[in-house]
Amino acid sequence: MPIYIKVEGSKETITILSKGVWDLPTQIQELESWLFENSLNLPSSNYIADVGFSIRENACGGGAILSPKVMSIMGKLGIKLYLSEYGE
């Protein structure tokens, strides 16, 4: 499931990341990379980053981590993070 970054309340899609990737740690890494590269080009607004993921088979710990730097960027830009879990 890709990550959709949109303006809240609008159909405007800013970007789509991780097409075909369902692994949450990989998606969060891609989201972080995109934010590091593009945050200076986005005005503060009300955004949604919707991450659709599936639970890893036999998962028993570890997983995705949002760094404080990325959480700060998201807060400054007004990005809400939606974690949308999908079954198999």
PDB file of N, CA and C in Angstrom:
ATOM      1  N   MET A   1       0.861  -1.185   0.000  1.00  0.00           N
ATOM      2  CA  MET A   1       0.000   0.000   0.000  1.00  0.00           C
ATOM      3  C   MET A   1       0.891   1.226   0.000  1.00  0.00           C
ATOM      4  N   PRO A   2       0.656   2.104  -0.871  1.00  0.00           N
ATOM      5  CA  PRO A   2       1.498   3.307  -0.880  1.00  0.00           C
ATOM      6  C   PRO A   2       1.162   4.251   0.266  1.00  0.00           C
ATOM      7  N   ILE A   3       2.054   5.184   0.485  1.00  0.00           N
ATOM      8  CA  ILE A   3       1.834   6.279   1.425  1.00  0.00           C
ATOM      9  C   ILE A   3       1.293   7.445   0.607  1.00  0.00           C
ATOM     10  N   TYR A   4       0.169   7.969   1.032  1.00  0.00           N
ATOM     11  CA  TYR A   4      -0.391   9.143   0.379  1.00  0.00           C
ATOM     12  C   TYR A   4      -0.170  10.351   1.282  1.00  0.00           C
ATOM     13  N   ILE A   5       0.379  11.408   0.728  1.00  0.00           N
ATOM     14  CA  ILE A   5       0.498  12.666   1.465  1.00  0.00           C
ATOM     15  C   ILE A   5      -0.409  13.652   0.758  1.00  0.00           C
ATOM     16  N   LYS A   6      -1.414  14.127   1.494  1.00  0.00           N
ATOM     17  CA  LYS A   6      -2.441  14.994   0.925  1.00  0.00           C
ATOM     18  C   LYS A   6      -2.659  16.208   1.801  1.00  0.00           C
ATOM     19  N   VAL A   7      -3.285  17.212   1.206  1.00  0.00           N
ATOM     20  CA  VAL A   7      -3.772  18.356   1.964  1.00  0.00           C
ATOM     21  C   VAL A   7      -5.093  17.919   2.586  1.00  0.00           C
ATOM     22  N   GLU A   8      -5.227  18.076   3.897  1.00  0.00           N
ATOM     23  CA  GLU A   8      -6.442  17.642   4.584  1.00  0.00           C
ATOM     24  C   GLU A   8      -7.663  18.372   4.038  1.00  0.00           C
ATOM     25  N   GLY A   9      -8.734  17.623   3.807  1.00  0.00           N
ATOM     26  CA  GLY A   9      -9.972  18.204   3.301  1.00  0.00           C
ATOM     27  C   GLY A   9      -9.955  18.505   1.819  1.00  0.00           C
ATOM     28  N   SER A  10      -8.929  18.052   1.132  1.00  0.00           N
ATOM     29  CA  SER A  10      -8.789  18.307  -0.300  1.00  0.00           C
ATOM     30  C   SER A  10      -8.482  16.994  -1.004  1.00  0.00           C
ATOM     31  N   LYS A  11      -8.734  16.956  -2.282  1.00  0.00           N
ATOM     32  CA  LYS A  11      -8.362  15.781  -3.069  1.00  0.00           C
ATOM     33  C   LYS A  11      -6.952  15.918  -3.626  1.00  0.00           C
ATOM     34  N   GLU A  12      -6.294  17.030  -3.312  1.00  0.00           N
ATOM     35  CA  GLU A  12      -4.946  17.287  -3.814  1.00  0.00           C
ATOM     36  C   GLU A  12      -3.938  16.346  -3.160  1.00  0.00           C
ATOM     37  N   THR A  13      -3.280  15.524  -3.974  1.00  0.00           N
ATOM     38  CA  THR A  13      -2.232  14.633  -3.484  1.00  0.00           C
ATOM     39  C   THR A  13      -0.880  15.298  -3.718  1.00  0.00           C
ATOM     40  N   ILE A  14      -0.117  15.426  -2.655  1.00  0.00           N
ATOM     41  CA  ILE A  14       1.214  16.035  -2.760  1.00  0.00           C
ATOM     42  C   ILE A  14       2.201  15.031  -3.363  1.00  0.00           C
ATOM     43  N   THR A  15       2.168  13.790  -2.861  1.00  0.00           N
ATOM     44  CA  THR A  15       3.037  12.737  -3.382  1.00  0.00           C
ATOM     45  C   THR A  15       2.494  11.377  -2.969  1.00  0.00           C
ATOM     46  N   ILE A  16       2.962  10.356  -3.665  1.00  0.00           N
ATOM     47  CA  ILE A  16       2.673   8.969  -3.320  1.00  0.00           C
ATOM     48  C   ILE A  16       4.021   8.271  -3.195  1.00  0.00           C
ATOM     49  N   LEU A  17       4.224   7.611  -2.067  1.00  0.00           N
ATOM     50  CA  LEU A  17       5.490   6.930  -1.793  1.00  0.00           C
ATOM     51  C   LEU A  17       5.241   5.435  -1.582  1.00  0.00           C
ATOM     52  N   SER A  18       6.276   4.640  -1.704  1.00  0.00           N
ATOM     53  CA  SER A  18       6.266   3.208  -1.360  1.00  0.00           C
ATOM     54  C   SER A  18       5.203   2.409  -2.095  1.00  0.00           C
ATOM     55  N   LYS A  19       5.047   2.643  -3.367  1.00  0.00           N
ATOM     56  CA  LYS A  19       4.061   1.880  -4.143  1.00  0.00           C
ATOM     57  C   LYS A  19       4.380   0.384  -4.072  1.00  0.00           C
ATOM     58  N   GLY A  20       3.397  -0.410  -3.673  1.00  0.00           N
ATOM     59  CA  GLY A  20       3.561  -1.854  -3.600  1.00  0.00           C
ATOM     60  C   GLY A  20       4.268  -2.364  -2.360  1.00  0.00           C
ATOM     61  N   VAL A  21       4.637  -1.485  -1.444  1.00  0.00           N
ATOM     62  CA  VAL A  21       5.336  -1.893  -0.222  1.00  0.00           C
ATOM     63  C   VAL A  21       4.343  -1.913   0.933  1.00  0.00           C
ATOM     64  N   TRP A  22       4.283  -3.028   1.662  1.00  0.00           N
ATOM     65  CA  TRP A  22       3.353  -3.168   2.789  1.00  0.00           C
ATOM     66  C   TRP A  22       4.089  -3.226   4.120  1.00  0.00           C
ATOM     67  N   ASP A  23       5.401  -3.239   4.100  1.00  0.00           N
ATOM     68  CA  ASP A  23       6.232  -3.359   5.293  1.00  0.00           C
ATOM     69  C   ASP A  23       6.380  -1.995   5.968  1.00  0.00           C
ATOM     70  N   LEU A  24       5.898  -1.859   7.192  1.00  0.00           N
ATOM     71  CA  LEU A  24       5.887  -0.568   7.878  1.00  0.00           C
ATOM     72  C   LEU A  24       7.281   0.026   8.082  1.00  0.00           C
ATOM     73  N   PRO A  25       8.285  -0.727   8.554  1.00  0.00           N
ATOM     74  CA  PRO A  25       9.604  -0.115   8.730  1.00  0.00           C
ATOM     75  C   PRO A  25      10.169   0.486   7.435  1.00  0.00           C
ATOM     76  N   THR A  26       9.986  -0.211   6.323  1.00  0.00           N
ATOM     77  CA  THR A  26      10.464   0.294   5.032  1.00  0.00           C
ATOM     78  C   THR A  26       9.725   1.566   4.640  1.00  0.00           C
ATOM     79  N   GLN A  27       8.414   1.583   4.848  1.00  0.00           N
ATOM     80  CA  GLN A  27       7.623   2.763   4.509  1.00  0.00           C
ATOM     81  C   GLN A  27       8.026   3.969   5.359  1.00  0.00           C
ATOM     82  N   ILE A  28       8.234   3.765   6.640  1.00  0.00           N
ATOM     83  CA  ILE A  28       8.617   4.880   7.515  1.00  0.00           C
ATOM     84  C   ILE A  28       9.972   5.432   7.097  1.00  0.00           C
ATOM     85  N   GLN A  29      10.905   4.562   6.706  1.00  0.00           N
ATOM     86  CA  GLN A  29      12.204   5.040   6.214  1.00  0.00           C
ATOM     87  C   GLN A  29      12.029   5.886   4.968  1.00  0.00           C
ATOM     88  N   GLU A  30      11.163   5.462   4.057  1.00  0.00           N
ATOM     89  CA  GLU A  30      10.937   6.228   2.831  1.00  0.00           C
ATOM     90  C   GLU A  30      10.260   7.563   3.133  1.00  0.00           C
ATOM     91  N   LEU A  31       9.305   7.551   4.062  1.00  0.00           N
ATOM     92  CA  LEU A  31       8.648   8.790   4.470  1.00  0.00           C
ATOM     93  C   LEU A  31       9.663   9.762   5.064  1.00  0.00           C
ATOM     94  N   GLU A  32      10.524   9.272   5.937  1.00  0.00           N
ATOM     95  CA  GLU A  32      11.557  10.127   6.531  1.00  0.00           C
ATOM     96  C   GLU A  32      12.473  10.706   5.466  1.00  0.00           C
ATOM     97  N   SER A  33      12.933   9.872   4.549  1.00  0.00           N
ATOM     98  CA  SER A  33      13.821  10.356   3.475  1.00  0.00           C
ATOM     99  C   SER A  33      13.136  11.443   2.657  1.00  0.00           C
ATOM    100  N   TRP A  34      11.867  11.213   2.313  1.00  0.00           N
ATOM    101  CA  TRP A  34      11.133  12.198   1.525  1.00  0.00           C
ATOM    102  C   TRP A  34      11.001  13.511   2.291  1.00  0.00           C
ATOM    103  N   LEU A  35      10.694  13.433   3.580  1.00  0.00           N
ATOM    104  CA  LEU A  35      10.559  14.657   4.380  1.00  0.00           C
ATOM    105  C   LEU A  35      11.879  15.409   4.484  1.00  0.00           C
ATOM    106  N   PHE A  36      12.990  14.695   4.685  1.00  0.00           N
ATOM    107  CA  PHE A  36      14.297  15.358   4.751  1.00  0.00           C
ATOM    108  C   PHE A  36      14.606  16.090   3.437  1.00  0.00           C
ATOM    109  N   GLU A  37      14.226  15.490   2.320  1.00  0.00           N
ATOM    110  CA  GLU A  37      14.520  16.066   1.013  1.00  0.00           C
ATOM    111  C   GLU A  37      13.548  17.169   0.600  1.00  0.00           C
ATOM    112  N   ASN A  38      12.303  17.143   1.091  1.00  0.00           N
ATOM    113  CA  ASN A  38      11.267  18.026   0.560  1.00  0.00           C
ATOM    114  C   ASN A  38      10.629  18.987   1.553  1.00  0.00           C
ATOM    115  N   SER A  39      10.959  18.891   2.819  1.00  0.00           N
ATOM    116  CA  SER A  39      10.255  19.700   3.823  1.00  0.00           C
ATOM    117  C   SER A  39      10.418  21.202   3.602  1.00  0.00           C
ATOM    118  N   LEU A  40      11.541  21.628   3.063  1.00  0.00           N
ATOM    119  CA  LEU A  40      11.753  23.071   2.843  1.00  0.00           C
ATOM    120  C   LEU A  40      10.901  23.603   1.693  1.00  0.00           C
ATOM    121  N   ASN A  41      10.379  22.697   0.853  1.00  0.00           N
ATOM    122  CA  ASN A  41       9.566  23.105  -0.288  1.00  0.00           C
ATOM    123  C   ASN A  41       8.067  23.109   0.004  1.00  0.00           C
ATOM    124  N   LEU A  42       7.672  22.732   1.235  1.00  0.00           N
ATOM    125  CA  LEU A  42       6.262  22.679   1.602  1.00  0.00           C
ATOM    126  C   LEU A  42       5.925  23.805   2.573  1.00  0.00           C
ATOM    127  N   PRO A  43       4.890  24.562   2.289  1.00  0.00           N
ATOM    128  CA  PRO A  43       4.456  25.561   3.267  1.00  0.00           C
ATOM    129  C   PRO A  43       3.719  24.870   4.415  1.00  0.00           C
ATOM    130  N   SER A  44       3.734  25.452   5.581  1.00  0.00           N
ATOM    131  CA  SER A  44       2.948  24.919   6.695  1.00  0.00           C
ATOM    132  C   SER A  44       1.480  24.932   6.309  1.00  0.00           C
ATOM    133  N   SER A  45       0.782  23.857   6.635  1.00  0.00           N
ATOM    134  CA  SER A  45      -0.631  23.717   6.276  1.00  0.00           C
ATOM    135  C   SER A  45      -1.228  22.625   7.141  1.00  0.00           C
ATOM    136  N   ASN A  46      -2.272  21.987   6.656  1.00  0.00           N
ATOM    137  CA  ASN A  46      -2.873  20.823   7.296  1.00  0.00           C
ATOM    138  C   ASN A  46      -2.767  19.666   6.325  1.00  0.00           C
ATOM    139  N   TYR A  47      -1.800  18.784   6.579  1.00  0.00           N
ATOM    140  CA  TYR A  47      -1.544  17.652   5.703  1.00  0.00           C
ATOM    141  C   TYR A  47      -1.890  16.348   6.413  1.00  0.00           C
ATOM    142  N   ILE A  48      -2.079  15.318   5.609  1.00  0.00           N
ATOM    143  CA  ILE A  48      -2.250  13.963   6.104  1.00  0.00           C
ATOM    144  C   ILE A  48      -1.231  13.082   5.392  1.00  0.00           C
ATOM    145  N   ALA A  49      -0.492  12.298   6.161  1.00  0.00           N
ATOM    146  CA  ALA A  49       0.350  11.243   5.611  1.00  0.00           C
ATOM    147  C   ALA A  49      -0.304   9.933   6.027  1.00  0.00           C
ATOM    148  N   ASP A  50      -0.883   9.221   5.067  1.00  0.00           N
ATOM    149  CA  ASP A  50      -1.594   7.981   5.343  1.00  0.00           C
ATOM    150  C   ASP A  50      -0.719   6.805   4.924  1.00  0.00           C
ATOM    151  N   VAL A  51      -0.277   6.035   5.918  1.00  0.00           N
ATOM    152  CA  VAL A  51       0.592   4.886   5.699  1.00  0.00           C
ATOM    153  C   VAL A  51      -0.246   3.620   5.845  1.00  0.00           C
ATOM    154  N   GLY A  52      -0.436   2.893   4.753  1.00  0.00           N
ATOM    155  CA  GLY A  52      -1.169   1.628   4.785  1.00  0.00           C
ATOM    156  C   GLY A  52      -0.175   0.488   4.884  1.00  0.00           C
ATOM    157  N   PHE A  53      -0.330  -0.374   5.878  1.00  0.00           N
ATOM    158  CA  PHE A  53       0.644  -1.445   6.086  1.00  0.00           C
ATOM    159  C   PHE A  53      -0.049  -2.731   6.513  1.00  0.00           C
ATOM    160  N   SER A  54       0.688  -3.842   6.403  1.00  0.00           N
ATOM    161  CA  SER A  54       0.254  -5.140   6.905  1.00  0.00           C
ATOM    162  C   SER A  54       1.242  -5.577   7.978  1.00  0.00           C
ATOM    163  N   ILE A  55       0.734  -6.309   8.952  1.00  0.00           N
ATOM    164  CA  ILE A  55       1.604  -6.829  10.005  1.00  0.00           C
ATOM    165  C   ILE A  55       2.551  -7.855   9.397  1.00  0.00           C
ATOM    166  N   ARG A  56       3.817  -7.773   9.795  1.00  0.00           N
ATOM    167  CA  ARG A  56       4.803  -8.728   9.300  1.00  0.00           C
ATOM    168  C   ARG A  56       4.506 -10.118   9.869  1.00  0.00           C
ATOM    169  N   GLU A  57       4.624 -11.132   9.028  1.00  0.00           N
ATOM    170  CA  GLU A  57       4.425 -12.502   9.487  1.00  0.00           C
ATOM    171  C   GLU A  57       5.470 -12.829  10.546  1.00  0.00           C
ATOM    172  N   ASN A  58       5.040 -13.428  11.625  1.00  0.00           N
ATOM    173  CA  ASN A  58       5.909 -13.820  12.744  1.00  0.00           C
ATOM    174  C   ASN A  58       6.587 -12.629  13.415  1.00  0.00           C
ATOM    175  N   ALA A  59       6.016 -11.443  13.319  1.00  0.00           N
ATOM    176  CA  ALA A  59       6.587 -10.271  13.976  1.00  0.00           C
ATOM    177  C   ALA A  59       6.540 -10.460  15.490  1.00  0.00           C
ATOM    178  N   CYS A  60       7.616 -10.111  16.152  1.00  0.00           N
ATOM    179  CA  CYS A  60       7.643 -10.242  17.613  1.00  0.00           C
ATOM    180  C   CYS A  60       8.520  -9.148  18.228  1.00  0.00           C
ATOM    181  N   GLY A  61       8.469  -7.981  17.674  1.00  0.00           N
ATOM    182  CA  GLY A  61       9.242  -6.873  18.221  1.00  0.00           C
ATOM    183  C   GLY A  61       9.945  -6.114  17.120  1.00  0.00           C
ATOM    184  N   GLY A  62      10.639  -5.086  17.549  1.00  0.00           N
ATOM    185  CA  GLY A  62      11.288  -4.240  16.559  1.00  0.00           C
ATOM    186  C   GLY A  62      10.230  -3.460  15.809  1.00  0.00           C
ATOM    187  N   GLY A  63      10.547  -3.019  14.634  1.00  0.00           N
ATOM    188  CA  GLY A  63       9.550  -2.320  13.835  1.00  0.00           C
ATOM    189  C   GLY A  63       9.984  -0.927  13.460  1.00  0.00           C
ATOM    190  N   ALA A  64       9.004  -0.121  13.118  1.00  0.00           N
ATOM    191  CA  ALA A  64       9.247   1.219  12.599  1.00  0.00           C
ATOM    192  C   ALA A  64       9.495   2.209  13.727  1.00  0.00           C
ATOM    193  N   ILE A  65      10.367   3.160  13.466  1.00  0.00           N
ATOM    194  CA  ILE A  65      10.664   4.217  14.426  1.00  0.00           C
ATOM    195  C   ILE A  65      10.638   5.552  13.700  1.00  0.00           C
ATOM    196  N   LEU A  66       9.884   6.506  14.237  1.00  0.00           N
ATOM    197  CA  LEU A  66       9.928   7.886  13.749  1.00  0.00           C
ATOM    198  C   LEU A  66      10.932   8.646  14.607  1.00  0.00           C
ATOM    199  N   SER A  67      11.909   9.231  13.963  1.00  0.00           N
ATOM    200  CA  SER A  67      12.932   9.967  14.709  1.00  0.00           C
ATOM    201  C   SER A  67      12.365  11.290  15.232  1.00  0.00           C
ATOM    202  N   PRO A  68      12.945  11.806  16.311  1.00  0.00           N
ATOM    203  CA  PRO A  68      12.501  13.111  16.810  1.00  0.00           C
ATOM    204  C   PRO A  68      12.615  14.210  15.752  1.00  0.00           C
ATOM    205  N   LYS A  69      13.639  14.139  14.901  1.00  0.00           N
ATOM    206  CA  LYS A  69      13.807  15.146  13.856  1.00  0.00           C
ATOM    207  C   LYS A  69      12.631  15.125  12.882  1.00  0.00           C
ATOM    208  N   VAL A  70      12.201  13.930  12.478  1.00  0.00           N
ATOM    209  CA  VAL A  70      11.072  13.818  11.552  1.00  0.00           C
ATOM    210  C   VAL A  70       9.778  14.239  12.232  1.00  0.00           C
ATOM    211  N   MET A  71       9.593  13.861  13.503  1.00  0.00           N
ATOM    212  CA  MET A  71       8.384  14.281  14.210  1.00  0.00           C
ATOM    213  C   MET A  71       8.328  15.800  14.317  1.00  0.00           C
ATOM    214  N   SER A  72       9.484  16.434  14.503  1.00  0.00           N
ATOM    215  CA  SER A  72       9.542  17.896  14.556  1.00  0.00           C
ATOM    216  C   SER A  72       9.162  18.511  13.207  1.00  0.00           C
ATOM    217  N   ILE A  73       9.691  17.960  12.132  1.00  0.00           N
ATOM    218  CA  ILE A  73       9.359  18.444  10.779  1.00  0.00           C
ATOM    219  C   ILE A  73       7.855  18.304  10.544  1.00  0.00           C
ATOM    220  N   MET A  74       7.312  17.151  10.887  1.00  0.00           N
ATOM    221  CA  MET A  74       5.881  16.919  10.678  1.00  0.00           C
ATOM    222  C   MET A  74       5.052  17.902  11.498  1.00  0.00           C
ATOM    223  N   GLY A  75       5.462  18.161  12.723  1.00  0.00           N
ATOM    224  CA  GLY A  75       4.745  19.118  13.557  1.00  0.00           C
ATOM    225  C   GLY A  75       4.785  20.524  12.988  1.00  0.00           C
ATOM    226  N   LYS A  76       5.948  20.951  12.515  1.00  0.00           N
ATOM    227  CA  LYS A  76       6.082  22.296  11.952  1.00  0.00           C
ATOM    228  C   LYS A  76       5.268  22.477  10.672  1.00  0.00           C
ATOM    229  N   LEU A  77       5.165  21.400   9.882  1.00  0.00           N
ATOM    230  CA  LEU A  77       4.422  21.472   8.626  1.00  0.00           C
ATOM    231  C   LEU A  77       2.926  21.226   8.807  1.00  0.00           C
ATOM    232  N   GLY A  78       2.533  20.706   9.966  1.00  0.00           N
ATOM    233  CA  GLY A  78       1.122  20.394  10.199  1.00  0.00           C
ATOM    234  C   GLY A  78       0.704  19.078   9.580  1.00  0.00           C
ATOM    235  N   ILE A  79       1.591  18.068   9.648  1.00  0.00           N
ATOM    236  CA  ILE A  79       1.301  16.761   9.063  1.00  0.00           C
ATOM    237  C   ILE A  79       0.782  15.816  10.140  1.00  0.00           C
ATOM    238  N   LYS A  80      -0.444  15.294   9.925  1.00  0.00           N
ATOM    239  CA  LYS A  80      -1.002  14.248  10.781  1.00  0.00           C
ATOM    240  C   LYS A  80      -0.618  12.911  10.172  1.00  0.00           C
ATOM    241  N   LEU A  81      -0.222  11.968  11.016  1.00  0.00           N
ATOM    242  CA  LEU A  81       0.163  10.635  10.544  1.00  0.00           C
ATOM    243  C   LEU A  81      -0.967   9.652  10.803  1.00  0.00           C
ATOM    244  N   TYR A  82      -1.481   9.074   9.724  1.00  0.00           N
ATOM    245  CA  TYR A  82      -2.494   8.023   9.827  1.00  0.00           C
ATOM    246  C   TYR A  82      -1.788   6.689   9.598  1.00  0.00           C
ATOM    247  N   LEU A  83      -1.997   5.728  10.476  1.00  0.00           N
ATOM    248  CA  LEU A  83      -1.469   4.383  10.310  1.00  0.00           C
ATOM    249  C   LEU A  83      -2.651   3.466  10.019  1.00  0.00           C
ATOM    250  N   SER A  84      -2.778   3.058   8.773  1.00  0.00           N
ATOM    251  CA  SER A  84      -3.913   2.248   8.318  1.00  0.00           C
ATOM    252  C   SER A  84      -3.479   0.807   8.174  1.00  0.00           C
ATOM    253  N   GLU A  85      -3.924  -0.036   9.105  1.00  0.00           N
ATOM    254  CA  GLU A  85      -3.534  -1.443   9.113  1.00  0.00           C
ATOM    255  C   GLU A  85      -4.488  -2.268   8.252  1.00  0.00           C
ATOM    256  N   TYR A  86      -3.902  -3.111   7.393  1.00  0.00           N
ATOM    257  CA  TYR A  86      -4.682  -3.965   6.505  1.00  0.00           C
ATOM    258  C   TYR A  86      -4.338  -5.427   6.784  1.00  0.00           C
ATOM    259  N   GLY A  87      -5.334  -6.285   6.701  1.00  0.00           N
ATOM    260  CA  GLY A  87      -5.112  -7.723   6.842  1.00  0.00           C
ATOM    261  C   GLY A  87      -4.513  -8.301   5.584  1.00  0.00           C
ATOM    262  N   GLU A  88      -4.305  -9.600   5.612  1.00  0.00           N
ATOM    263  CA  GLU A  88      -3.683 -10.261   4.446  1.00  0.00           C
ATOM    264  C   GLU A  88      -4.561 -10.222   3.232  1.00  0.00           C
TER     265      GLU A  88
END
